[in-house]
Amino acid sequence: MVTATEILTLTQWLSPAYPVGAFAYSHGLEAAIADGTVTDAGRLTDWATGVLEHGAGRADATFLAAAHHADAADIPGIDATARAFAASAERLRETELMGAAFCEITAALWPGDLDGLTYPVALGRATRLAALPPILAAQMALQAFVGNLAAVGMRLIPLGQTDGQRILRDLAPACARIATETAGGDLATLRSTAFLSDIASMRHETLSPRIFRT
């Protein structure tokens, strides 16, 4: 049984108030909005679905589960794979900086050896150290990721708050399912075919003007 304290701890870690700076990153979405690829709530839903199912969403859930199940000696190898899986310089910077921020604040508040890990690996390792349920952590991490994409869309397209919340509601089943499908943390299953998202993250490197860091 998942306890209330476990749920609340994960809620704290994956809240927008937790100081990892997630609000500063669009995961390439800013470039897709700027070039007219994503123009309304329907297209943003399709975009977010693709990233969840075929891109960083599924991959990061796999890395989280792998790190949770791994012994400490295996964490550097999992983290190296997560870095190699970043499709662009900005994607790598995003996962490194968010991971570093998560490690710093979490290690200061909960006992455990967390330092210099990419974001999904840091989350997975932290759930292992704190004995938190990894599937619930992945579900909530995926929802937080979708929430951040929705927030980008609300700011830049712009979408209304109702549309933003509708996207979160509609993609909640996918978040739950993907977390379950990746629960084994099998890195042999890693794949990424969200090519438009990858290209958008590369194009964002030279986008001007821009609001988000990625």
N, C-alpha and C. Protein backbone atom coordinates (compact mmCIF):
# COMPACT_ATOMS: atom_id res chain seq x y z
N MET A 1 0.83 -1.20 0.00
CA MET A 1 0.00 0.00 0.00
C MET A 1 0.87 1.25 0.00
N VAL A 2 0.51 2.19 -0.86
CA VAL A 2 1.22 3.46 -0.89
C VAL A 2 0.69 4.33 0.25
N THR A 3 1.58 4.88 1.04
CA THR A 3 1.16 5.69 2.18
C THR A 3 0.94 7.14 1.77
N ALA A 4 0.22 7.86 2.61
CA ALA A 4 -0.01 9.28 2.35
C ALA A 4 1.31 10.05 2.33
N THR A 5 2.23 9.68 3.21
CA THR A 5 3.53 10.37 3.24
C THR A 5 4.29 10.16 1.95
N GLU A 6 4.24 8.95 1.40
CA GLU A 6 4.92 8.68 0.13
C GLU A 6 4.32 9.52 -0.99
N ILE A 7 3.01 9.56 -1.04
CA ILE A 7 2.34 10.35 -2.08
C ILE A 7 2.70 11.83 -1.94
N LEU A 8 2.69 12.32 -0.73
CA LEU A 8 2.98 13.74 -0.52
C LEU A 8 4.44 14.07 -0.81
N THR A 9 5.35 13.13 -0.53
CA THR A 9 6.76 13.36 -0.86
C THR A 9 6.94 13.47 -2.37
N LEU A 10 6.34 12.56 -3.11
CA LEU A 10 6.44 12.62 -4.57
C LEU A 10 5.75 13.86 -5.12
N THR A 11 4.64 14.23 -4.52
CA THR A 11 3.96 15.46 -4.92
C THR A 11 4.87 16.67 -4.73
N GLN A 12 5.59 16.68 -3.62
CA GLN A 12 6.53 17.77 -3.37
C GLN A 12 7.65 17.78 -4.40
N TRP A 13 8.24 16.60 -4.64
CA TRP A 13 9.36 16.53 -5.59
C TRP A 13 8.96 16.97 -6.99
N LEU A 14 7.73 16.66 -7.40
CA LEU A 14 7.31 16.89 -8.78
C LEU A 14 6.37 18.08 -8.92
N SER A 15 6.28 18.86 -7.87
CA SER A 15 5.51 20.09 -7.91
C SER A 15 6.27 21.18 -8.68
N PRO A 16 5.56 22.09 -9.36
CA PRO A 16 6.24 23.23 -9.98
C PRO A 16 7.01 24.08 -8.97
N ALA A 17 6.65 23.96 -7.67
CA ALA A 17 7.35 24.74 -6.64
C ALA A 17 8.70 24.14 -6.27
N TYR A 18 8.95 22.87 -6.64
CA TYR A 18 10.24 22.26 -6.30
C TYR A 18 11.30 22.89 -7.19
N PRO A 19 12.39 23.39 -6.61
CA PRO A 19 13.30 24.27 -7.37
C PRO A 19 14.25 23.55 -8.33
N VAL A 20 13.67 22.95 -9.37
CA VAL A 20 14.51 22.35 -10.41
C VAL A 20 14.49 23.21 -11.68
N GLY A 21 13.67 24.24 -11.71
CA GLY A 21 13.66 25.16 -12.84
C GLY A 21 12.95 24.64 -14.07
N ALA A 22 12.03 23.69 -13.92
CA ALA A 22 11.35 23.10 -15.09
C ALA A 22 10.65 24.15 -15.93
N PHE A 23 10.17 25.22 -15.30
CA PHE A 23 9.44 26.27 -16.02
C PHE A 23 10.29 26.96 -17.07
N ALA A 24 11.61 26.84 -16.97
CA ALA A 24 12.51 27.54 -17.88
C ALA A 24 12.74 26.79 -19.19
N TYR A 25 12.22 25.57 -19.31
CA TYR A 25 12.51 24.72 -20.45
C TYR A 25 11.23 24.38 -21.22
N SER A 26 11.31 24.44 -22.56
CA SER A 26 10.15 24.08 -23.38
C SER A 26 10.35 22.77 -24.13
N HIS A 27 11.53 22.15 -24.01
CA HIS A 27 11.80 20.87 -24.66
C HIS A 27 11.65 20.98 -26.17
N GLY A 28 12.03 22.14 -26.72
CA GLY A 28 11.93 22.37 -28.16
C GLY A 28 10.58 22.88 -28.63
N LEU A 29 9.57 22.89 -27.74
CA LEU A 29 8.23 23.29 -28.15
C LEU A 29 8.18 24.74 -28.59
N GLU A 30 8.99 25.59 -27.97
CA GLU A 30 8.98 27.00 -28.37
C GLU A 30 9.31 27.16 -29.85
N ALA A 31 10.25 26.38 -30.35
CA ALA A 31 10.59 26.45 -31.77
C ALA A 31 9.45 25.94 -32.63
N ALA A 32 8.76 24.89 -32.20
CA ALA A 32 7.64 24.34 -32.96
C ALA A 32 6.48 25.33 -33.02
N ILE A 33 6.28 26.08 -31.96
CA ILE A 33 5.24 27.11 -31.97
C ILE A 33 5.66 28.28 -32.86
N ALA A 34 6.93 28.64 -32.79
CA ALA A 34 7.42 29.78 -33.57
C ALA A 34 7.33 29.52 -35.07
N ASP A 35 7.54 28.27 -35.50
CA ASP A 35 7.50 27.99 -36.94
C ASP A 35 6.13 27.56 -37.44
N GLY A 36 5.12 27.60 -36.56
CA GLY A 36 3.76 27.32 -36.97
C GLY A 36 3.38 25.86 -36.98
N THR A 37 4.22 24.99 -36.43
CA THR A 37 3.88 23.56 -36.38
C THR A 37 2.80 23.30 -35.34
N VAL A 38 2.91 23.96 -34.19
CA VAL A 38 1.93 23.80 -33.11
C VAL A 38 1.21 25.13 -32.94
N THR A 39 -0.10 25.12 -33.26
CA THR A 39 -0.83 26.39 -33.32
C THR A 39 -2.09 26.43 -32.46
N ASP A 40 -2.50 25.27 -31.92
CA ASP A 40 -3.74 25.25 -31.14
C ASP A 40 -3.71 24.08 -30.18
N ALA A 41 -4.78 23.93 -29.41
CA ALA A 41 -4.81 22.89 -28.39
C ALA A 41 -4.74 21.50 -28.99
N GLY A 42 -5.39 21.28 -30.12
CA GLY A 42 -5.36 19.97 -30.75
C GLY A 42 -3.96 19.57 -31.18
N ARG A 43 -3.26 20.50 -31.79
CA ARG A 43 -1.90 20.19 -32.24
C ARG A 43 -0.95 20.04 -31.06
N LEU A 44 -1.16 20.80 -30.00
CA LEU A 44 -0.32 20.63 -28.83
C LEU A 44 -0.58 19.27 -28.18
N THR A 45 -1.82 18.83 -28.18
CA THR A 45 -2.12 17.50 -27.65
C THR A 45 -1.41 16.43 -28.47
N ASP A 46 -1.46 16.56 -29.78
CA ASP A 46 -0.77 15.60 -30.65
C ASP A 46 0.74 15.62 -30.40
N TRP A 47 1.29 16.83 -30.26
CA TRP A 47 2.73 16.98 -30.03
C TRP A 47 3.13 16.33 -28.72
N ALA A 48 2.40 16.64 -27.66
CA ALA A 48 2.73 16.08 -26.35
C ALA A 48 2.54 14.56 -26.35
N THR A 49 1.53 14.07 -27.04
CA THR A 49 1.32 12.63 -27.12
C THR A 49 2.49 11.95 -27.80
N GLY A 50 2.98 12.53 -28.89
CA GLY A 50 4.12 11.96 -29.58
C GLY A 50 5.37 11.91 -28.73
N VAL A 51 5.62 12.99 -27.98
CA VAL A 51 6.81 13.02 -27.12
C VAL A 51 6.67 12.01 -25.99
N LEU A 52 5.46 11.89 -25.44
CA LEU A 52 5.24 10.90 -24.39
C LEU A 52 5.43 9.48 -24.89
N GLU A 53 4.79 9.15 -25.99
CA GLU A 53 4.76 7.78 -26.47
C GLU A 53 6.07 7.36 -27.13
N HIS A 54 6.68 8.27 -27.87
CA HIS A 54 7.78 7.88 -28.75
C HIS A 54 9.09 8.63 -28.50
N GLY A 55 9.10 9.56 -27.54
CA GLY A 55 10.28 10.36 -27.31
C GLY A 55 10.75 10.34 -25.87
N ALA A 56 11.04 11.52 -25.35
CA ALA A 56 11.66 11.63 -24.03
C ALA A 56 10.76 11.15 -22.91
N GLY A 57 9.44 11.21 -23.10
CA GLY A 57 8.56 10.74 -22.03
C GLY A 57 8.79 9.28 -21.70
N ARG A 58 8.67 8.42 -22.69
CA ARG A 58 8.88 6.99 -22.47
C ARG A 58 10.33 6.69 -22.08
N ALA A 59 11.27 7.35 -22.73
CA ALA A 59 12.68 7.09 -22.42
C ALA A 59 13.00 7.48 -20.98
N ASP A 60 12.54 8.65 -20.55
CA ASP A 60 12.84 9.09 -19.19
C ASP A 60 12.18 8.20 -18.15
N ALA A 61 10.96 7.72 -18.44
CA ALA A 61 10.32 6.79 -17.51
C ALA A 61 11.13 5.50 -17.40
N THR A 62 11.71 5.07 -18.50
CA THR A 62 12.56 3.87 -18.48
C THR A 62 13.81 4.11 -17.66
N PHE A 63 14.43 5.27 -17.84
CA PHE A 63 15.63 5.60 -17.06
C PHE A 63 15.31 5.71 -15.58
N LEU A 64 14.17 6.29 -15.25
CA LEU A 64 13.76 6.39 -13.85
C LEU A 64 13.64 5.01 -13.23
N ALA A 65 12.96 4.11 -13.93
CA ALA A 65 12.76 2.75 -13.40
C ALA A 65 14.09 2.01 -13.30
N ALA A 66 14.93 2.17 -14.31
CA ALA A 66 16.23 1.48 -14.29
C ALA A 66 17.07 1.95 -13.11
N ALA A 67 17.08 3.26 -12.86
CA ALA A 67 17.85 3.79 -11.74
C ALA A 67 17.28 3.33 -10.41
N HIS A 68 15.97 3.22 -10.33
CA HIS A 68 15.36 2.75 -9.09
C HIS A 68 15.77 1.32 -8.77
N HIS A 69 15.81 0.47 -9.76
CA HIS A 69 16.11 -0.94 -9.54
C HIS A 69 17.60 -1.22 -9.41
N ALA A 70 18.44 -0.28 -9.80
CA ALA A 70 19.88 -0.53 -9.89
C ALA A 70 20.59 -0.38 -8.55
N ASP A 71 21.69 -1.09 -8.42
CA ASP A 71 22.61 -0.86 -7.32
C ASP A 71 23.42 0.40 -7.60
N ALA A 72 24.03 0.95 -6.56
CA ALA A 72 24.77 2.20 -6.70
C ALA A 72 25.86 2.11 -7.76
N ALA A 73 26.50 0.95 -7.86
CA ALA A 73 27.60 0.79 -8.81
C ALA A 73 27.15 0.89 -10.26
N ASP A 74 25.86 0.64 -10.51
CA ASP A 74 25.36 0.66 -11.88
C ASP A 74 24.79 2.01 -12.30
N ILE A 75 24.64 2.93 -11.35
CA ILE A 75 24.05 4.22 -11.66
C ILE A 75 24.87 5.03 -12.67
N PRO A 76 26.21 5.09 -12.58
CA PRO A 76 26.96 5.86 -13.58
C PRO A 76 26.73 5.39 -15.01
N GLY A 77 26.60 4.09 -15.21
CA GLY A 77 26.36 3.59 -16.55
C GLY A 77 24.98 3.97 -17.07
N ILE A 78 23.97 3.89 -16.19
CA ILE A 78 22.62 4.30 -16.59
C ILE A 78 22.60 5.79 -16.90
N ASP A 79 23.30 6.57 -16.10
CA ASP A 79 23.34 8.01 -16.31
C ASP A 79 24.05 8.34 -17.62
N ALA A 80 25.11 7.62 -17.94
CA ALA A 80 25.82 7.85 -19.21
C ALA A 80 24.92 7.55 -20.39
N THR A 81 24.11 6.51 -20.28
CA THR A 81 23.17 6.19 -21.35
C THR A 81 22.12 7.28 -21.49
N ALA A 82 21.63 7.80 -20.38
CA ALA A 82 20.66 8.90 -20.43
C ALA A 82 21.25 10.12 -21.12
N ARG A 83 22.50 10.42 -20.86
CA ARG A 83 23.15 11.55 -21.53
C ARG A 83 23.28 11.29 -23.03
N ALA A 84 23.66 10.08 -23.37
CA ALA A 84 23.82 9.74 -24.78
C ALA A 84 22.50 9.78 -25.53
N PHE A 85 21.40 9.57 -24.82
CA PHE A 85 20.09 9.53 -25.45
C PHE A 85 19.53 10.92 -25.70
N ALA A 86 20.13 11.95 -25.16
CA ALA A 86 19.68 13.32 -25.42
C ALA A 86 19.94 13.64 -26.89
N ALA A 87 18.91 14.12 -27.59
CA ALA A 87 19.00 14.26 -29.04
C ALA A 87 19.66 15.55 -29.50
N SER A 88 19.92 16.47 -28.60
CA SER A 88 20.53 17.75 -28.98
C SER A 88 21.29 18.31 -27.80
N ALA A 89 22.09 19.33 -28.07
CA ALA A 89 22.85 19.97 -26.99
C ALA A 89 21.91 20.56 -25.95
N GLU A 90 20.80 21.15 -26.40
CA GLU A 90 19.86 21.74 -25.46
C GLU A 90 19.15 20.68 -24.63
N ARG A 91 18.81 19.55 -25.24
CA ARG A 91 18.19 18.48 -24.48
C ARG A 91 19.13 17.98 -23.39
N LEU A 92 20.40 17.86 -23.73
CA LEU A 92 21.38 17.42 -22.75
C LEU A 92 21.50 18.44 -21.62
N ARG A 93 21.55 19.71 -21.98
CA ARG A 93 21.66 20.76 -20.96
C ARG A 93 20.42 20.75 -20.06
N GLU A 94 19.26 20.54 -20.64
CA GLU A 94 18.02 20.51 -19.87
C GLU A 94 18.05 19.41 -18.80
N THR A 95 18.40 18.19 -19.21
CA THR A 95 18.38 17.09 -18.26
C THR A 95 19.52 17.20 -17.25
N GLU A 96 20.65 17.76 -17.67
CA GLU A 96 21.77 17.94 -16.73
C GLU A 96 21.44 18.99 -15.67
N LEU A 97 20.92 20.14 -16.09
CA LEU A 97 20.68 21.22 -15.15
C LEU A 97 19.51 20.92 -14.22
N MET A 98 18.46 20.32 -14.76
CA MET A 98 17.35 19.94 -13.89
C MET A 98 17.78 18.84 -12.93
N GLY A 99 18.58 17.90 -13.42
CA GLY A 99 19.07 16.84 -12.55
C GLY A 99 19.96 17.37 -11.45
N ALA A 100 20.86 18.30 -11.80
CA ALA A 100 21.75 18.87 -10.79
C ALA A 100 20.96 19.61 -9.72
N ALA A 101 19.95 20.37 -10.15
CA ALA A 101 19.14 21.11 -9.18
C ALA A 101 18.35 20.14 -8.29
N PHE A 102 17.80 19.08 -8.89
CA PHE A 102 17.06 18.10 -8.10
C PHE A 102 17.98 17.42 -7.09
N CYS A 103 19.16 17.04 -7.52
CA CYS A 103 20.11 16.39 -6.61
C CYS A 103 20.46 17.29 -5.44
N GLU A 104 20.70 18.56 -5.73
CA GLU A 104 21.14 19.48 -4.68
C GLU A 104 20.07 19.66 -3.60
N ILE A 105 18.84 19.95 -4.01
CA ILE A 105 17.80 20.21 -3.01
C ILE A 105 17.37 18.92 -2.32
N THR A 106 17.31 17.82 -3.06
CA THR A 106 16.83 16.57 -2.45
C THR A 106 17.85 16.02 -1.47
N ALA A 107 19.13 16.09 -1.83
CA ALA A 107 20.17 15.59 -0.93
C ALA A 107 20.24 16.43 0.34
N ALA A 108 19.84 17.70 0.24
CA ALA A 108 19.87 18.55 1.42
C ALA A 108 18.73 18.24 2.38
N LEU A 109 17.65 17.64 1.86
CA LEU A 109 16.46 17.41 2.68
C LEU A 109 16.24 15.95 3.05
N TRP A 110 16.72 15.03 2.22
CA TRP A 110 16.57 13.60 2.48
C TRP A 110 17.96 12.95 2.44
N PRO A 111 18.24 12.02 3.32
CA PRO A 111 19.56 11.38 3.31
C PRO A 111 19.76 10.54 2.06
N GLY A 112 20.97 10.57 1.53
CA GLY A 112 21.27 9.76 0.35
C GLY A 112 22.31 10.40 -0.52
N ASP A 113 22.98 9.58 -1.30
CA ASP A 113 24.05 10.03 -2.18
C ASP A 113 23.48 10.40 -3.53
N LEU A 114 23.23 11.68 -3.75
CA LEU A 114 22.73 12.18 -5.02
C LEU A 114 23.63 13.31 -5.48
N ASP A 115 24.21 13.16 -6.67
CA ASP A 115 25.08 14.24 -7.14
C ASP A 115 25.35 14.05 -8.63
N GLY A 116 25.13 15.12 -9.41
CA GLY A 116 25.55 15.15 -10.79
C GLY A 116 24.85 14.19 -11.72
N LEU A 117 23.59 13.86 -11.46
CA LEU A 117 22.87 12.91 -12.30
C LEU A 117 21.90 13.64 -13.23
N THR A 118 21.62 13.04 -14.36
CA THR A 118 20.56 13.56 -15.22
C THR A 118 19.23 13.45 -14.48
N TYR A 119 18.25 14.22 -14.94
CA TYR A 119 17.02 14.35 -14.17
C TYR A 119 16.28 13.02 -13.96
N PRO A 120 16.01 12.21 -14.98
CA PRO A 120 15.26 10.97 -14.70
C PRO A 120 16.04 9.99 -13.85
N VAL A 121 17.36 9.95 -14.03
CA VAL A 121 18.18 9.05 -13.22
C VAL A 121 18.21 9.53 -11.77
N ALA A 122 18.28 10.83 -11.57
CA ALA A 122 18.23 11.37 -10.21
C ALA A 122 16.90 11.04 -9.54
N LEU A 123 15.82 11.17 -10.27
CA LEU A 123 14.51 10.82 -9.72
C LEU A 123 14.45 9.34 -9.33
N GLY A 124 14.93 8.49 -10.23
CA GLY A 124 14.90 7.06 -9.95
C GLY A 124 15.76 6.68 -8.77
N ARG A 125 16.94 7.25 -8.70
CA ARG A 125 17.83 6.95 -7.58
C ARG A 125 17.24 7.46 -6.27
N ALA A 126 16.64 8.64 -6.31
CA ALA A 126 16.04 9.21 -5.10
C ALA A 126 14.89 8.36 -4.61
N THR A 127 14.07 7.83 -5.53
CA THR A 127 12.96 6.98 -5.09
C THR A 127 13.49 5.70 -4.46
N ARG A 128 14.61 5.19 -4.95
CA ARG A 128 15.20 3.99 -4.34
C ARG A 128 15.69 4.31 -2.93
N LEU A 129 16.40 5.42 -2.78
CA LEU A 129 16.96 5.78 -1.48
C LEU A 129 15.87 6.08 -0.45
N ALA A 130 14.76 6.65 -0.91
CA ALA A 130 13.68 7.01 0.01
C ALA A 130 12.60 5.93 0.08
N ALA A 131 12.82 4.80 -0.62
CA ALA A 131 11.86 3.68 -0.63
C ALA A 131 10.47 4.14 -1.07
N LEU A 132 10.44 4.91 -2.15
CA LEU A 132 9.18 5.39 -2.71
C LEU A 132 8.79 4.54 -3.91
N PRO A 133 7.51 4.43 -4.22
CA PRO A 133 7.04 3.56 -5.31
C PRO A 133 7.43 4.12 -6.68
N PRO A 134 8.20 3.37 -7.47
CA PRO A 134 8.71 3.91 -8.72
C PRO A 134 7.64 4.12 -9.79
N ILE A 135 6.62 3.26 -9.85
CA ILE A 135 5.60 3.46 -10.87
C ILE A 135 4.82 4.74 -10.61
N LEU A 136 4.46 4.98 -9.37
CA LEU A 136 3.78 6.23 -9.03
C LEU A 136 4.67 7.43 -9.34
N ALA A 137 5.96 7.31 -9.04
CA ALA A 137 6.89 8.40 -9.34
C ALA A 137 6.94 8.68 -10.83
N ALA A 138 6.98 7.62 -11.65
CA ALA A 138 7.01 7.81 -13.09
C ALA A 138 5.71 8.42 -13.60
N GLN A 139 4.59 7.96 -13.07
CA GLN A 139 3.30 8.53 -13.48
C GLN A 139 3.26 10.02 -13.19
N MET A 140 3.70 10.40 -12.01
CA MET A 140 3.65 11.80 -11.62
C MET A 140 4.69 12.63 -12.38
N ALA A 141 5.85 12.04 -12.67
CA ALA A 141 6.87 12.74 -13.45
C ALA A 141 6.38 12.99 -14.87
N LEU A 142 5.73 12.01 -15.47
CA LEU A 142 5.20 12.19 -16.82
C LEU A 142 4.11 13.25 -16.83
N GLN A 143 3.24 13.23 -15.82
CA GLN A 143 2.21 14.26 -15.76
C GLN A 143 2.82 15.65 -15.58
N ALA A 144 3.87 15.75 -14.77
CA ALA A 144 4.55 17.03 -14.59
C ALA A 144 5.16 17.51 -15.91
N PHE A 145 5.70 16.57 -16.68
CA PHE A 145 6.28 16.90 -17.98
C PHE A 145 5.21 17.44 -18.92
N VAL A 146 4.07 16.76 -18.98
CA VAL A 146 2.97 17.23 -19.82
C VAL A 146 2.47 18.59 -19.32
N GLY A 147 2.41 18.75 -18.01
CA GLY A 147 1.98 20.02 -17.46
C GLY A 147 2.88 21.17 -17.87
N ASN A 148 4.17 20.89 -17.95
CA ASN A 148 5.11 21.94 -18.36
C ASN A 148 4.91 22.29 -19.84
N LEU A 149 4.69 21.26 -20.69
CA LEU A 149 4.41 21.53 -22.10
C LEU A 149 3.12 22.34 -22.25
N ALA A 150 2.10 21.98 -21.46
CA ALA A 150 0.85 22.73 -21.52
C ALA A 150 1.06 24.18 -21.10
N ALA A 151 1.89 24.39 -20.09
CA ALA A 151 2.17 25.76 -19.63
C ALA A 151 2.88 26.57 -20.71
N VAL A 152 3.79 25.91 -21.43
CA VAL A 152 4.45 26.59 -22.56
C VAL A 152 3.42 27.00 -23.60
N GLY A 153 2.51 26.06 -23.92
CA GLY A 153 1.48 26.36 -24.89
C GLY A 153 0.56 27.48 -24.44
N MET A 154 0.19 27.49 -23.19
CA MET A 154 -0.68 28.55 -22.67
C MET A 154 -0.01 29.91 -22.77
N ARG A 155 1.29 29.92 -22.65
CA ARG A 155 2.01 31.20 -22.68
C ARG A 155 2.28 31.67 -24.10
N LEU A 156 2.61 30.74 -25.01
CA LEU A 156 3.12 31.15 -26.32
C LEU A 156 2.10 31.08 -27.44
N ILE A 157 1.12 30.16 -27.41
CA ILE A 157 0.24 30.02 -28.59
C ILE A 157 -0.66 31.24 -28.78
N PRO A 158 -1.36 31.76 -27.77
CA PRO A 158 -1.53 31.26 -26.41
C PRO A 158 -2.82 30.44 -26.30
N LEU A 159 -2.83 29.54 -25.33
CA LEU A 159 -4.02 28.78 -25.00
C LEU A 159 -4.63 29.32 -23.72
N GLY A 160 -5.92 29.11 -23.55
CA GLY A 160 -6.56 29.44 -22.28
C GLY A 160 -6.25 28.38 -21.24
N GLN A 161 -6.50 28.70 -20.00
CA GLN A 161 -6.24 27.75 -18.92
C GLN A 161 -7.09 26.49 -19.04
N THR A 162 -8.31 26.64 -19.54
CA THR A 162 -9.18 25.47 -19.69
C THR A 162 -8.58 24.48 -20.69
N ASP A 163 -8.08 24.98 -21.81
CA ASP A 163 -7.43 24.11 -22.79
C ASP A 163 -6.20 23.44 -22.20
N GLY A 164 -5.43 24.19 -21.43
CA GLY A 164 -4.24 23.61 -20.81
C GLY A 164 -4.59 22.48 -19.87
N GLN A 165 -5.61 22.68 -19.06
CA GLN A 165 -6.02 21.64 -18.13
C GLN A 165 -6.66 20.46 -18.86
N ARG A 166 -7.32 20.72 -19.98
CA ARG A 166 -7.92 19.63 -20.76
C ARG A 166 -6.82 18.72 -21.32
N ILE A 167 -5.71 19.31 -21.74
CA ILE A 167 -4.60 18.50 -22.24
C ILE A 167 -4.06 17.59 -21.14
N LEU A 168 -3.91 18.15 -19.95
CA LEU A 168 -3.46 17.34 -18.81
C LEU A 168 -4.43 16.20 -18.52
N ARG A 169 -5.72 16.50 -18.52
CA ARG A 169 -6.72 15.47 -18.27
C ARG A 169 -6.68 14.38 -19.34
N ASP A 170 -6.61 14.80 -20.60
CA ASP A 170 -6.69 13.83 -21.69
C ASP A 170 -5.46 12.93 -21.76
N LEU A 171 -4.31 13.41 -21.32
CA LEU A 171 -3.09 12.62 -21.42
C LEU A 171 -2.77 11.86 -20.13
N ALA A 172 -3.59 12.03 -19.10
CA ALA A 172 -3.36 11.30 -17.85
C ALA A 172 -3.35 9.78 -18.05
N PRO A 173 -4.27 9.21 -18.84
CA PRO A 173 -4.20 7.75 -19.04
C PRO A 173 -2.91 7.29 -19.70
N ALA A 174 -2.39 8.07 -20.64
CA ALA A 174 -1.12 7.71 -21.28
C ALA A 174 0.02 7.76 -20.27
N CYS A 175 0.02 8.75 -19.39
CA CYS A 175 1.06 8.84 -18.36
C CYS A 175 1.04 7.60 -17.48
N ALA A 176 -0.15 7.20 -17.07
CA ALA A 176 -0.28 6.02 -16.21
C ALA A 176 0.16 4.76 -16.93
N ARG A 177 -0.24 4.62 -18.17
CA ARG A 177 0.09 3.41 -18.93
C ARG A 177 1.58 3.31 -19.22
N ILE A 178 2.18 4.40 -19.66
CA ILE A 178 3.61 4.37 -20.00
C ILE A 178 4.45 4.06 -18.77
N ALA A 179 4.07 4.61 -17.63
CA ALA A 179 4.80 4.31 -16.39
C ALA A 179 4.76 2.83 -16.07
N THR A 180 3.62 2.21 -16.31
CA THR A 180 3.49 0.77 -16.06
C THR A 180 4.28 -0.03 -17.09
N GLU A 181 4.21 0.37 -18.35
CA GLU A 181 4.91 -0.35 -19.41
C GLU A 181 6.43 -0.31 -19.25
N THR A 182 6.95 0.74 -18.65
CA THR A 182 8.40 0.91 -18.50
C THR A 182 8.89 0.54 -17.11
N ALA A 183 8.01 -0.04 -16.29
CA ALA A 183 8.33 -0.27 -14.87
C ALA A 183 9.52 -1.19 -14.66
N GLY A 184 9.82 -2.04 -15.62
CA GLY A 184 10.96 -2.94 -15.46
C GLY A 184 12.30 -2.26 -15.63
N GLY A 185 12.29 -1.07 -16.23
CA GLY A 185 13.55 -0.34 -16.42
C GLY A 185 14.52 -1.03 -17.36
N ASP A 186 14.01 -1.74 -18.35
CA ASP A 186 14.86 -2.49 -19.28
C ASP A 186 15.42 -1.54 -20.33
N LEU A 187 16.70 -1.22 -20.25
CA LEU A 187 17.30 -0.27 -21.18
C LEU A 187 17.39 -0.83 -22.59
N ALA A 188 17.26 -2.14 -22.74
CA ALA A 188 17.25 -2.74 -24.08
C ALA A 188 16.01 -2.34 -24.87
N THR A 189 14.99 -1.85 -24.20
CA THR A 189 13.76 -1.44 -24.88
C THR A 189 13.78 0.03 -25.28
N LEU A 190 14.84 0.75 -24.99
CA LEU A 190 14.90 2.17 -25.29
C LEU A 190 14.75 2.42 -26.79
N ARG A 191 13.96 3.42 -27.11
CA ARG A 191 13.81 3.86 -28.49
C ARG A 191 13.34 5.30 -28.48
N SER A 192 13.57 5.99 -29.58
CA SER A 192 13.09 7.37 -29.68
C SER A 192 12.83 7.67 -31.16
N THR A 193 11.57 7.92 -31.48
CA THR A 193 11.21 8.25 -32.86
C THR A 193 10.37 9.52 -32.94
N ALA A 194 10.50 10.39 -31.96
CA ALA A 194 9.81 11.68 -31.98
C ALA A 194 10.70 12.69 -32.71
N PHE A 195 10.86 12.47 -34.01
CA PHE A 195 11.87 13.20 -34.77
C PHE A 195 11.57 14.69 -34.86
N LEU A 196 10.30 15.07 -35.02
CA LEU A 196 9.99 16.49 -35.11
C LEU A 196 10.36 17.22 -33.82
N SER A 197 10.14 16.57 -32.69
CA SER A 197 10.53 17.17 -31.42
C SER A 197 12.04 17.32 -31.33
N ASP A 198 12.76 16.29 -31.78
CA ASP A 198 14.23 16.36 -31.76
C ASP A 198 14.73 17.51 -32.63
N ILE A 199 14.17 17.61 -33.83
CA ILE A 199 14.60 18.67 -34.75
C ILE A 199 14.24 20.04 -34.19
N ALA A 200 13.08 20.15 -33.57
CA ALA A 200 12.68 21.42 -32.97
C ALA A 200 13.66 21.84 -31.88
N SER A 201 14.13 20.87 -31.10
CA SER A 201 15.08 21.20 -30.04
C SER A 201 16.41 21.67 -30.62
N MET A 202 16.79 21.15 -31.78
CA MET A 202 18.01 21.62 -32.45
C MET A 202 17.82 23.00 -33.04
N ARG A 203 16.66 23.25 -33.63
CA ARG A 203 16.38 24.56 -34.23
C ARG A 203 16.26 25.63 -33.16
N HIS A 204 15.85 25.24 -31.97
CA HIS A 204 15.70 26.21 -30.89
C HIS A 204 17.04 26.82 -30.49
N GLU A 205 18.13 26.12 -30.75
CA GLU A 205 19.45 26.61 -30.36
C GLU A 205 19.77 27.95 -31.00
N THR A 206 19.19 28.23 -32.19
CA THR A 206 19.46 29.49 -32.87
C THR A 206 18.22 30.37 -32.98
N LEU A 207 17.14 29.99 -32.28
CA LEU A 207 15.91 30.77 -32.34
C LEU A 207 16.10 32.11 -31.65
N SER A 208 15.64 33.17 -32.31
CA SER A 208 15.75 34.52 -31.74
C SER A 208 14.58 35.37 -32.23
N PRO A 209 13.88 36.03 -31.32
CA PRO A 209 14.04 35.99 -29.85
C PRO A 209 13.44 34.71 -29.28
N ARG A 210 13.74 34.41 -28.05
CA ARG A 210 13.18 33.25 -27.39
C ARG A 210 13.03 33.53 -25.90
N ILE A 211 12.11 32.80 -25.28
CA ILE A 211 11.83 32.97 -23.86
C ILE A 211 12.46 31.84 -23.05
N PHE A 212 12.38 30.62 -23.58
CA PHE A 212 12.78 29.43 -22.82
C PHE A 212 14.22 29.03 -23.15
N ARG A 213 14.83 28.30 -22.23
CA ARG A 213 16.22 27.91 -22.38
C ARG A 213 16.40 26.77 -23.36
N THR A 214 15.35 25.99 -23.58
CA THR A 214 15.41 24.90 -24.57
C THR A 214 14.11 24.86 -25.37
